[in-house]
């Protein structure tokens, strides 16, 4: 039963991430800067890995 919820959860997370782009979130591209800010604010880091060919 839990495996059937995974696609629904994945869609919900994806839609949240896509809507965040429209809300003017300032994404950081420097990992060390993001780590420092995460430690300072106590918030987690969201990492996105891409491979562009």
Protein backbone atom coordinates (compact mmCIF):
# COMPACT_ATOMS: atom_id res chain seq x y z
CA UNK A 1 0.00 0.00 0.00
CA UNK A 2 2.81 2.45 0.82
CA UNK A 3 4.47 1.94 -2.57
CA UNK A 4 1.29 3.10 -4.26
CA UNK A 5 1.57 6.46 -2.48
CA UNK A 6 5.09 7.13 -3.75
CA UNK A 7 4.05 8.45 -7.22
CA UNK A 8 1.51 10.75 -5.59
CA UNK A 9 4.10 12.09 -3.17
CA UNK A 10 6.63 12.56 -5.98
CA UNK A 11 4.09 14.55 -8.02
CA UNK A 12 3.25 16.72 -5.02
CA UNK A 13 6.92 17.49 -4.38
CA UNK A 14 7.56 18.23 -8.04
CA UNK A 15 4.61 20.60 -8.28
CA UNK A 16 5.78 22.38 -5.13
CA UNK A 17 9.27 22.79 -6.57
CA UNK A 18 7.92 24.10 -9.86
CA UNK A 19 5.60 26.59 -8.18
CA UNK A 20 8.51 27.82 -6.05
CA UNK A 21 10.18 29.06 -9.23
CA UNK A 22 7.23 31.34 -9.85
CA UNK A 23 7.31 32.77 -6.33
CA UNK A 24 10.69 34.45 -6.75
CA UNK A 25 12.78 32.19 -4.52
CA UNK A 26 16.45 33.14 -4.64
CA UNK A 27 18.16 29.82 -5.39
CA UNK A 28 21.83 29.52 -4.46
CA UNK A 29 24.28 27.95 -6.88
CA UNK A 30 27.27 27.93 -4.51
CA UNK A 31 27.26 24.81 -2.31
CA UNK A 32 29.47 26.22 0.44
CA UNK A 33 27.35 29.37 0.65
CA UNK A 34 24.22 27.22 0.87
CA UNK A 35 25.75 25.07 3.65
CA UNK A 36 26.71 28.15 5.63
CA UNK A 37 23.23 29.61 5.28
CA UNK A 38 21.58 26.29 6.18
CA UNK A 39 23.65 26.01 9.36
CA UNK A 40 22.91 29.63 10.26
CA UNK A 41 19.13 29.34 9.71
CA UNK A 42 18.67 25.69 10.73
CA UNK A 43 16.98 24.92 7.41
CA UNK A 44 17.69 21.93 5.16
CA UNK A 45 19.36 22.09 1.74
CA UNK A 46 17.57 20.99 -1.43
CA UNK A 47 20.09 19.71 -3.98
CA UNK A 48 19.33 19.28 -7.65
CA UNK A 49 21.76 17.43 -9.88
CA UNK A 50 21.61 17.86 -13.64
CA UNK A 51 23.46 16.41 -16.55
CA UNK A 52 23.29 18.45 -19.71
CA UNK A 53 24.62 16.79 -22.82
